[in-house]
Amino acid sequence: MNLEEMLQVADEIVFAQTEHHLDDLQEAVLRGTLQGNIYKKIAKDLDCSESSVRNAGSELWRILSAALGEEVSKTNLRSVMGRLQTSNILNFAHNVSGSFNICSETPQNSTIPNSPTPTEQTPHPQPPPKYQDLSQMPELGDFYGRTQELETLHNWILQQRCRLVALTGVSGIGKTTLAVQLVQQIKDEFEYVIWCSLETSPPFSEFQAELIKFLSQSETPDLSATSPNTSTLIKYLRNHRCLVVLDNVHRLFSSGELAGKYKPETEEYRSLFKQIEQLSHQSCLLLIGWEQPRELPQGKSQTAPICTLQLGGLDRTAVRELLTAYGWAEMDNWATLMDCYQGNPFCLKTVATQILEVAEGLTDCLPEDTILLPEEVKDSLQQQWERLSEIEKNLMFFLAKENQSVNLAKLLETGIISPADLGNVVQYLGRRGLIEKRESFYSLSPVIKQYVKGLAEN
């Protein structure tokens, strides 16, 4: 096949999967990839951001992989398309998109060697119906960067079949936005997809009953089961490929304690998460929140199908795109602003709005070390501050007074933390994303330090 024929085949397959033809960006990504160009070159030719090109490419490889039954990526796209010319995969293309010629010299009525004739073709089984309840899922809104994070989550959930995935990070860092983008991309890989908010900490029995009601839509109800239990729920997760998203999972945990300690009334959720991890099934539970359950490791577990992704700030390219969208295309000190707020999209949007509403020269007339704290940012930080234990707050007050990063030995010298508690306090503040670690030294980000200093002065 030549380049145009490859693009035509890709368009047919994408249309069969999504009922939409390739848009201009998707076609440009495919064309550039087939010509051997890197994402940076494709983005330059299109005069758009590299992250936009990467996101479009990631989505295309996912669609093609699902359609062709093999892993498709930027590196093997040309070879995959080449195999379509003589492979029995052409039968798939014929069935899903009507009929199309891949090579102009191929006769319309020719058959593929070793493939069944039209009268002999075995009918493809109908895929199971899909059930999706995304009524509690927020709108996506603006989305910047996060290509690497999306690829990591795709890999954990679709390739490695992790059963329990936690997405954590400080308020406003973009956890829910990333999860919405992820769900939009992978939802068709599952029979059942549901998004549940735990904002009100619903009783476990109520949550479980609603989830079972949703997952039982394709099955005849078991009238003998007068009170469905966790084993009933696991049965549905075992029989069907399900994606269950639990947002605001930190509402299950106690305030005033180290991160991830369940409230007495939410302990049953712990039992469910443990069974999700340990019992064999084909589904995935995605947890989103400021804190993760204590039993979950950071990163990917080497011994269990569970993992945690702690979300950091946006990269420089994404921050520049965000600030440009908010009218700061020519701003000179955007990199300084990014560092002050750790690439937190909520903080950056809020500060950008305040500066535009007050005066574009606002930052120039303030003392050099001043960090703007709009009320919305203060409210967000206050909610996280109120969840801390007293010993964590004491450590934060100490770090806010320090002009340089400190090591563990210096923390012990202060006497504010006992040697027995030091490891726990530092570990769980790190899990909350409220302290920064560089090598063996710890500090606060500029915006958090400014907020904590304000508390100490009041």
Protein backbone atom coordinates (compact mmCIF):
# COMPACT_ATOMS: atom_id res chain seq x y z
CA MET A 1 0.00 0.00 0.00
CA ASN A 2 1.10 3.54 -0.63
CA LEU A 3 0.66 6.34 1.90
CA GLU A 4 -2.78 7.47 0.71
CA GLU A 5 -4.09 3.90 0.70
CA MET A 6 -2.85 3.40 4.27
CA LEU A 7 -4.64 6.57 5.35
CA GLN A 8 -7.82 5.38 3.65
CA VAL A 9 -7.67 2.02 5.45
CA ALA A 10 -7.04 3.74 8.80
CA ASP A 11 -9.98 6.08 8.18
CA GLU A 12 -12.26 3.10 7.43
CA ILE A 13 -11.23 1.33 10.62
CA VAL A 14 -11.58 4.43 12.80
CA PHE A 15 -15.01 5.13 11.33
CA ALA A 16 -16.09 1.52 12.01
CA GLN A 17 -15.00 1.89 15.66
CA THR A 18 -16.21 5.43 16.40
CA GLU A 19 -18.66 6.38 13.63
CA HIS A 20 -16.45 9.39 12.95
CA HIS A 21 -13.93 9.88 10.15
CA LEU A 22 -10.41 11.06 10.87
CA ASP A 23 -10.27 14.75 11.72
CA ASP A 24 -7.50 17.00 10.39
CA LEU A 25 -5.25 16.52 13.43
CA GLN A 26 -5.64 12.73 13.44
CA GLU A 27 -4.90 12.50 9.72
CA ALA A 28 -1.83 14.70 10.12
CA VAL A 29 -0.55 12.53 13.00
CA LEU A 30 -1.04 9.36 10.94
CA ARG A 31 0.55 10.89 7.85
CA GLY A 32 3.53 12.20 9.79
CA THR A 33 4.02 8.92 11.65
CA LEU A 34 3.89 6.88 8.42
CA GLN A 35 6.49 9.25 6.97
CA GLY A 36 8.76 8.60 9.95
CA ASN A 37 8.41 12.00 11.63
CA ILE A 38 8.61 12.46 15.40
CA TYR A 39 5.81 14.15 17.34
CA LYS A 40 7.83 17.35 17.70
CA LYS A 41 8.21 17.65 13.91
CA ILE A 42 4.51 16.91 13.35
CA ALA A 43 3.54 19.57 15.90
CA LYS A 44 5.85 22.11 14.25
CA ASP A 45 4.37 21.42 10.81
CA LEU A 46 0.85 21.84 12.22
CA ASP A 47 1.79 24.89 14.32
CA CYS A 48 0.28 23.32 17.43
CA SER A 49 1.55 21.95 20.75
CA GLU A 50 3.42 18.66 20.97
CA SER A 51 1.08 17.55 23.78
CA SER A 52 -1.92 17.91 21.43
CA VAL A 53 -0.18 15.71 18.86
CA ARG A 54 0.73 13.13 21.52
CA ASN A 55 -2.84 13.00 22.84
CA ALA A 56 -4.23 12.53 19.33
CA GLY A 57 -1.67 9.81 18.63
CA SER A 58 -2.38 8.00 21.89
CA GLU A 59 -6.09 7.92 21.11
CA LEU A 60 -5.48 6.68 17.55
CA TRP A 61 -3.21 3.84 18.68
CA ARG A 62 -5.87 2.82 21.21
CA ILE A 63 -8.62 2.74 18.56
CA LEU A 64 -6.50 0.81 16.06
CA SER A 65 -5.30 -1.65 18.73
CA ALA A 66 -8.88 -2.41 19.78
CA ALA A 67 -10.00 -2.86 16.17
CA LEU A 68 -7.12 -5.05 14.99
CA GLY A 69 -6.64 -7.15 18.11
CA GLU A 70 -2.95 -6.32 18.51
CA GLU A 71 -0.88 -3.57 20.07
CA VAL A 72 -0.49 -0.66 17.65
CA SER A 73 1.96 2.12 18.41
CA LYS A 74 3.91 4.89 16.72
CA THR A 75 6.87 2.57 16.20
CA ASN A 76 5.05 -0.34 14.54
CA LEU A 77 2.25 1.48 12.68
CA ARG A 78 3.78 1.10 9.21
CA SER A 79 4.41 -2.63 9.62
CA VAL A 80 0.89 -3.18 10.97
CA MET A 81 -0.65 -1.33 8.03
CA GLY A 82 1.55 -3.28 5.64
CA ARG A 83 0.34 -6.60 7.01
CA LEU A 84 -3.25 -5.57 6.38
CA GLN A 85 -2.67 -5.94 2.66
CA THR A 86 -2.39 -9.72 2.81
CA SER A 87 -3.64 -10.62 6.26
CA ASN A 88 -6.94 -12.16 7.18
CA ILE A 89 -7.53 -8.99 9.17
CA LEU A 90 -9.00 -7.77 5.88
CA ASN A 91 -12.00 -9.93 6.69
CA PHE A 92 -12.52 -7.83 9.80
CA ALA A 93 -12.33 -4.64 7.77
CA HIS A 94 -14.83 -6.05 5.28
CA ASN A 95 -17.29 -6.99 8.01
CA VAL A 96 -17.15 -3.76 9.98
CA SER A 97 -17.08 -1.23 7.19
CA GLY A 98 -18.87 -2.80 4.25
CA SER A 99 -16.20 -3.31 1.62
CA PHE A 100 -13.23 -1.34 0.38
CA ASN A 101 -10.25 -1.98 -1.86
CA ILE A 102 -6.85 -1.73 -0.25
CA CYS A 103 -4.86 -1.84 -3.49
CA SER A 104 -6.24 -0.41 -6.68
CA GLU A 105 -4.98 -3.36 -8.72
CA THR A 106 -6.83 -5.92 -6.55
CA PRO A 107 -10.00 -7.14 -8.35
CA GLN A 108 -13.24 -6.36 -6.53
CA ASN A 109 -14.26 -10.04 -6.42
CA SER A 110 -10.88 -11.52 -5.50
CA THR A 111 -10.54 -13.55 -2.31
CA ILE A 112 -7.67 -13.59 0.12
CA PRO A 113 -5.56 -16.77 0.14
CA ASN A 114 -6.48 -19.21 2.90
CA SER A 115 -9.53 -17.18 3.86
CA PRO A 116 -13.11 -18.47 3.62
CA THR A 117 -15.22 -17.51 0.63
CA PRO A 118 -18.15 -15.16 1.29
CA THR A 119 -20.53 -18.11 1.63
CA GLU A 120 -18.15 -19.91 4.00
CA GLN A 121 -17.37 -17.01 6.32
CA THR A 122 -18.16 -17.69 9.94
CA PRO A 123 -20.39 -14.97 11.37
CA HIS A 124 -18.71 -12.90 14.06
CA PRO A 125 -20.38 -13.14 17.45
CA GLN A 126 -22.15 -10.00 18.54
CA PRO A 127 -20.25 -8.14 21.27
CA PRO A 128 -22.03 -7.94 24.60
CA PRO A 129 -24.11 -4.80 25.14
CA LYS A 130 -22.41 -1.94 26.95
CA TYR A 131 -23.88 -0.20 29.98
CA GLN A 132 -22.55 3.19 31.05
CA ASP A 133 -23.68 5.45 33.87
CA LEU A 134 -21.58 8.62 33.73
CA SER A 135 -24.25 10.91 35.14
CA GLN A 136 -21.99 11.83 38.11
CA MET A 137 -18.90 12.36 35.97
CA PRO A 138 -17.99 16.07 35.58
CA GLU A 139 -17.62 17.72 32.17
CA LEU A 140 -14.07 17.49 30.82
CA GLY A 141 -13.44 21.20 30.31
CA ASP A 142 -9.94 22.40 29.41
CA PHE A 143 -7.28 19.70 29.23
CA TYR A 144 -3.56 20.38 29.01
CA GLY A 145 -0.64 17.96 28.73
CA ARG A 146 -0.69 14.77 30.84
CA THR A 147 0.38 12.55 27.92
CA GLN A 148 2.72 10.45 30.03
CA GLU A 149 0.19 10.06 32.84
CA LEU A 150 -2.49 8.94 30.39
CA GLU A 151 -0.12 6.38 28.87
CA THR A 152 0.74 5.05 32.34
CA LEU A 153 -2.93 4.64 33.30
CA HIS A 154 -3.78 3.08 29.94
CA ASN A 155 -1.00 0.55 30.45
CA TRP A 156 -1.96 -0.30 34.03
CA ILE A 157 -5.67 -0.72 33.29
CA LEU A 158 -5.80 -2.15 29.75
CA GLN A 159 -2.49 -3.98 29.31
CA GLN A 160 -1.52 -5.04 32.84
CA ARG A 161 -5.14 -5.48 33.95
CA CYS A 162 -4.61 -3.90 37.37
CA ARG A 163 -7.66 -4.47 39.57
CA LEU A 164 -7.25 -1.47 41.86
CA VAL A 165 -5.77 1.86 40.73
CA ALA A 166 -5.54 5.00 42.89
CA LEU A 167 -5.09 8.48 41.41
CA THR A 168 -4.01 10.93 44.14
CA GLY A 169 -2.65 14.46 44.55
CA VAL A 170 -3.33 17.81 46.16
CA SER A 171 -6.54 19.70 45.51
CA GLY A 172 -6.70 21.38 42.09
CA ILE A 173 -3.83 19.40 40.58
CA GLY A 174 -6.15 17.89 37.93
CA LYS A 175 -6.93 14.37 39.17
CA THR A 176 -10.59 14.39 38.18
CA THR A 177 -9.89 16.11 34.85
CA LEU A 178 -7.31 13.45 34.00
CA ALA A 179 -9.69 10.67 35.06
CA VAL A 180 -12.49 12.08 32.88
CA GLN A 181 -10.14 12.17 29.88
CA LEU A 182 -9.04 8.61 30.65
CA VAL A 183 -12.58 7.28 30.98
CA GLN A 184 -13.61 8.92 27.70
CA GLN A 185 -10.74 7.11 25.99
CA ILE A 186 -11.13 3.62 27.50
CA LYS A 187 -14.84 3.30 28.32
CA ASP A 188 -15.62 1.22 25.23
CA GLU A 189 -13.15 -1.45 26.39
CA PHE A 190 -15.57 -2.41 29.19
CA GLU A 191 -19.06 -3.90 29.33
CA TYR A 192 -19.97 -1.74 32.33
CA VAL A 193 -18.67 1.72 33.23
CA ILE A 194 -19.95 3.72 36.19
CA TRP A 195 -18.71 6.91 37.87
CA CYS A 196 -19.65 7.28 41.55
CA SER A 197 -18.97 10.28 43.78
CA LEU A 198 -18.27 9.60 47.46
CA GLU A 199 -18.57 13.29 48.38
CA THR A 200 -21.27 12.49 50.96
CA SER A 201 -19.57 9.31 52.29
CA PRO A 202 -22.61 7.12 51.54
CA PRO A 203 -23.11 4.11 53.84
CA PHE A 204 -21.44 1.06 52.35
CA SER A 205 -24.69 -0.90 52.19
CA GLU A 206 -26.32 1.87 50.15
CA PHE A 207 -23.33 2.18 47.81
CA GLN A 208 -23.12 -1.59 47.32
CA ALA A 209 -26.84 -1.96 46.58
CA GLU A 210 -26.75 0.78 43.93
CA LEU A 211 -23.64 -0.69 42.30
CA ILE A 212 -25.11 -4.20 42.18
CA LYS A 213 -28.33 -2.80 40.72
CA PHE A 214 -26.33 -1.22 37.90
CA LEU A 215 -24.13 -4.26 37.23
CA SER A 216 -27.05 -6.72 37.16
CA GLN A 217 -28.80 -5.15 34.16
CA SER A 218 -27.86 -7.92 31.73
CA GLU A 219 -28.64 -10.79 34.09
CA THR A 220 -31.81 -12.28 35.50
CA PRO A 221 -32.14 -11.18 39.12
CA ASP A 222 -31.52 -13.86 41.73
CA LEU A 223 -34.80 -13.74 43.64
CA SER A 224 -33.40 -15.98 46.36
CA ALA A 225 -30.78 -13.34 47.25
CA THR A 226 -32.79 -11.18 49.62
CA SER A 227 -29.77 -9.15 50.76
CA PRO A 228 -26.97 -8.99 48.13
CA ASN A 229 -23.51 -8.89 49.73
CA THR A 230 -19.92 -8.32 48.70
CA SER A 231 -19.65 -11.81 47.21
CA THR A 232 -22.54 -10.92 44.91
CA LEU A 233 -20.70 -7.79 43.81
CA ILE A 234 -17.49 -9.73 43.16
CA LYS A 235 -19.50 -12.20 41.07
CA TYR A 236 -20.53 -9.43 38.70
CA LEU A 237 -16.96 -8.10 38.54
CA ARG A 238 -15.80 -11.60 37.70
CA ASN A 239 -18.44 -12.33 35.06
CA HIS A 240 -18.16 -8.97 33.28
CA ARG A 241 -15.40 -6.53 32.36
CA CYS A 242 -16.32 -3.51 34.52
CA LEU A 243 -14.74 -0.13 35.23
CA VAL A 244 -15.93 1.41 38.50
CA VAL A 245 -14.68 4.95 39.24
CA LEU A 246 -14.92 6.23 42.82
CA ASP A 247 -14.31 9.99 43.04
CA ASN A 248 -13.60 11.89 46.30
CA VAL A 249 -12.44 8.70 47.99
CA HIS A 250 -10.71 10.81 50.69
CA ARG A 251 -14.18 11.37 52.18
CA LEU A 252 -13.94 7.81 53.52
CA PHE A 253 -10.96 8.76 55.70
CA SER A 254 -10.76 10.58 59.04
CA SER A 255 -9.64 14.19 59.46
CA GLY A 256 -7.06 14.95 62.15
CA GLU A 257 -5.26 11.66 61.45
CA LEU A 258 -2.38 10.57 59.25
CA ALA A 259 -3.62 10.09 55.68
CA GLY A 260 -5.76 7.13 54.69
CA LYS A 261 -7.27 6.07 58.04
CA TYR A 262 -10.86 4.93 57.56
CA LYS A 263 -13.70 6.44 59.57
CA PRO A 264 -15.35 3.81 61.81
CA GLU A 265 -18.49 3.92 59.65
CA THR A 266 -16.57 3.35 56.38
CA GLU A 267 -14.50 0.31 57.39
CA GLU A 268 -16.57 -1.92 55.09
CA TYR A 269 -15.06 -0.10 52.11
CA ARG A 270 -11.66 -1.36 53.25
CA SER A 271 -12.94 -4.94 53.08
CA LEU A 272 -14.26 -4.36 49.55
CA PHE A 273 -10.97 -2.89 48.34
CA LYS A 274 -9.10 -5.84 49.86
CA GLN A 275 -11.31 -8.33 48.05
CA ILE A 276 -10.98 -6.37 44.80
CA GLU A 277 -7.21 -6.80 45.14
CA GLN A 278 -7.09 -10.43 46.26
CA LEU A 279 -9.94 -12.22 44.45
CA SER A 280 -9.71 -13.17 40.79
CA HIS A 281 -11.87 -11.07 38.44
CA GLN A 282 -11.58 -9.11 35.18
CA SER A 283 -12.62 -5.63 36.34
CA CYS A 284 -10.92 -2.44 37.59
CA LEU A 285 -11.71 -0.07 40.45
CA LEU A 286 -10.29 3.44 39.95
CA LEU A 287 -10.04 5.55 43.14
CA ILE A 288 -9.63 9.36 42.94
CA GLY A 289 -8.88 11.56 45.94
CA TRP A 290 -6.50 13.67 48.01
CA GLU A 291 -5.50 10.56 49.95
CA GLN A 292 -5.15 6.89 49.13
CA PRO A 293 -5.98 3.94 51.37
CA ARG A 294 -2.98 3.21 53.58
CA GLU A 295 -2.68 -0.34 52.30
CA LEU A 296 -2.01 0.81 48.73
CA PRO A 297 1.64 1.24 47.72
CA GLN A 298 3.09 4.21 45.90
CA GLY A 299 3.61 3.38 42.23
CA LYS A 300 3.07 -0.13 40.86
CA SER A 301 3.07 -3.04 43.30
CA GLN A 302 5.48 -5.82 42.40
CA THR A 303 3.40 -8.48 44.14
CA ALA A 304 -0.24 -7.50 43.59
CA PRO A 305 -2.39 -6.08 40.73
CA ILE A 306 -2.70 -2.67 42.42
CA CYS A 307 -0.97 0.66 41.88
CA THR A 308 -1.04 4.37 42.76
CA LEU A 309 -0.28 7.36 40.58
CA GLN A 310 0.44 10.53 42.57
CA LEU A 311 -0.20 13.41 40.21
CA GLY A 312 2.28 16.26 40.08
CA GLY A 313 2.01 19.64 38.35
CA LEU A 314 1.75 20.33 34.64
CA ASP A 315 4.94 20.48 32.60
CA ARG A 316 6.22 23.74 31.12
CA THR A 317 4.58 23.25 27.72
CA ALA A 318 1.18 22.58 29.26
CA VAL A 319 1.51 25.53 31.68
CA ARG A 320 2.30 27.86 28.81
CA GLU A 321 -0.74 26.59 26.88
CA LEU A 322 -2.93 27.18 29.94
CA LEU A 323 -1.66 30.70 30.57
CA THR A 324 -1.97 31.54 26.89
CA ALA A 325 -5.61 30.45 27.00
CA TYR A 326 -6.08 32.86 29.91
CA GLY A 327 -4.64 35.80 27.99
CA TRP A 328 -1.00 35.59 29.09
CA ALA A 329 0.60 34.67 25.80
CA GLU A 330 3.33 37.30 26.12
CA MET A 331 3.93 37.12 29.86
CA ASP A 332 7.65 37.28 30.71
CA ASN A 333 7.61 35.63 34.15
CA TRP A 334 5.30 32.70 33.42
CA ALA A 335 8.02 30.17 34.37
CA THR A 336 8.37 31.81 37.80
CA LEU A 337 4.62 31.62 38.26
CA MET A 338 4.69 27.94 37.33
CA ASP A 339 7.35 27.20 39.96
CA CYS A 340 5.51 29.15 42.68
CA TYR A 341 2.34 27.15 42.22
CA GLN A 342 3.98 23.80 41.32
CA GLY A 343 2.21 23.69 37.96
CA ASN A 344 -1.14 23.34 39.77
CA PRO A 345 -3.74 24.17 37.09
CA PHE A 346 -6.39 25.35 39.57
CA CYS A 347 -3.97 27.76 41.28
CA LEU A 348 -2.60 29.02 37.96
CA LYS A 349 -6.08 29.68 36.53
CA THR A 350 -7.20 31.42 39.71
CA VAL A 351 -4.12 33.64 39.97
CA ALA A 352 -4.25 34.45 36.25
CA THR A 353 -7.89 35.53 36.59
CA GLN A 354 -7.10 37.72 39.62
CA ILE A 355 -4.21 39.48 37.89
CA LEU A 356 -6.25 40.15 34.76
CA GLU A 357 -9.13 41.52 36.83
CA VAL A 358 -6.96 43.72 39.09
CA ALA A 359 -4.01 44.82 36.94
CA GLU A 360 -1.53 43.09 34.67
CA GLY A 361 1.28 44.84 36.56
CA LEU A 362 0.10 43.55 39.92
CA THR A 363 3.04 41.17 40.42
CA ASP A 364 5.55 43.89 39.47
CA CYS A 365 4.52 46.27 42.26
CA LEU A 366 4.59 43.66 45.06
CA PRO A 367 7.65 42.70 47.14
CA GLU A 368 9.79 40.16 45.32
CA ASP A 369 9.00 37.20 47.61
CA THR A 370 5.20 37.74 47.66
CA ILE A 371 3.04 34.85 46.52
CA LEU A 372 -0.52 35.77 45.57
CA LEU A 373 -3.15 33.79 47.47
CA PRO A 374 -6.62 34.41 46.00
CA GLU A 375 -9.46 33.44 48.33
CA GLU A 376 -10.31 30.38 46.21
CA VAL A 377 -6.74 29.09 46.66
CA LYS A 378 -6.87 29.76 50.41
CA ASP A 379 -10.17 27.87 50.69
CA SER A 380 -8.69 24.89 48.87
CA LEU A 381 -5.58 24.83 51.07
CA GLN A 382 -7.68 25.23 54.20
CA GLN A 383 -9.71 22.11 53.40
CA GLN A 384 -6.50 20.10 53.14
CA TRP A 385 -4.99 21.74 56.24
CA GLU A 386 -8.00 20.79 58.36
CA ARG A 387 -7.43 17.11 57.51
CA LEU A 388 -3.92 17.09 59.01
CA SER A 389 -3.04 15.67 62.40
CA GLU A 390 -1.52 18.04 64.98
CA ILE A 391 1.91 16.50 64.60
CA GLU A 392 1.79 17.05 60.82
CA LYS A 393 0.77 20.69 61.34
CA ASN A 394 3.69 21.22 63.72
CA LEU A 395 6.13 19.91 61.11
CA MET A 396 4.57 22.15 58.44
CA PHE A 397 4.95 25.22 60.72
CA PHE A 398 8.63 24.38 61.22
CA LEU A 399 9.30 23.91 57.48
CA ALA A 400 7.50 27.18 56.67
CA LYS A 401 10.04 29.10 58.81
CA GLU A 402 13.07 27.51 57.14
CA ASN A 403 14.73 29.25 54.21
CA GLN A 404 16.40 26.06 53.01
CA SER A 405 15.49 22.40 52.72
CA VAL A 406 16.22 20.32 55.83
CA ASN A 407 17.17 16.69 56.33
CA LEU A 408 15.76 14.18 58.80
CA ALA A 409 18.54 14.82 61.31
CA LYS A 410 17.59 18.51 61.45
CA LEU A 411 13.93 17.58 61.95
CA LEU A 412 14.84 15.38 64.89
CA GLU A 413 16.92 18.17 66.47
CA THR A 414 13.82 20.37 66.73
CA GLY A 415 12.19 17.98 69.20
CA ILE A 416 8.75 18.53 67.64
CA ILE A 417 8.61 14.91 66.48
CA SER A 418 9.72 11.82 68.35
CA PRO A 419 12.14 9.46 66.58
CA ALA A 420 9.41 6.80 66.53
CA ASP A 421 6.93 9.09 64.74
CA LEU A 422 9.28 10.83 62.32
CA GLY A 423 9.08 8.24 59.55
CA ASN A 424 5.26 8.10 59.62
CA VAL A 425 4.78 11.87 59.61
CA VAL A 426 7.18 12.49 56.72
CA GLN A 427 5.82 9.52 54.77
CA TYR A 428 2.17 10.53 55.02
CA LEU A 429 2.77 14.24 54.38
CA GLY A 430 4.55 13.07 51.24
CA ARG A 431 1.57 10.93 50.30
CA ARG A 432 -0.65 13.99 50.69
CA GLY A 433 1.66 15.89 48.33
CA LEU A 434 2.17 18.68 50.87
CA ILE A 435 5.96 18.43 51.25
CA GLU A 436 8.66 18.23 48.61
CA LYS A 437 11.59 15.83 48.74
CA ARG A 438 14.83 16.31 46.87
CA GLU A 439 17.29 13.56 47.65
CA SER A 440 17.24 13.43 51.47
CA PHE A 441 16.03 17.00 52.04
CA TYR A 442 12.50 18.26 52.64
CA SER A 443 10.76 21.60 52.07
CA LEU A 444 7.44 23.26 51.26
CA SER A 445 6.45 24.66 47.88
CA PRO A 446 6.31 28.49 47.76
CA VAL A 447 2.50 28.66 47.74
CA ILE A 448 2.08 26.25 50.66
CA LYS A 449 4.85 27.99 52.62
CA GLN A 450 3.10 31.36 52.14
CA TYR A 451 -0.20 29.90 53.32
CA VAL A 452 1.28 28.24 56.41
CA LYS A 453 3.20 31.41 57.33
CA GLY A 454 -0.10 33.28 57.23
CA LEU A 455 -1.64 30.77 59.63
CA ALA A 456 1.28 31.15 62.01
CA GLU A 457 0.90 34.93 62.06
CA ASN A 458 -2.82 34.83 62.85
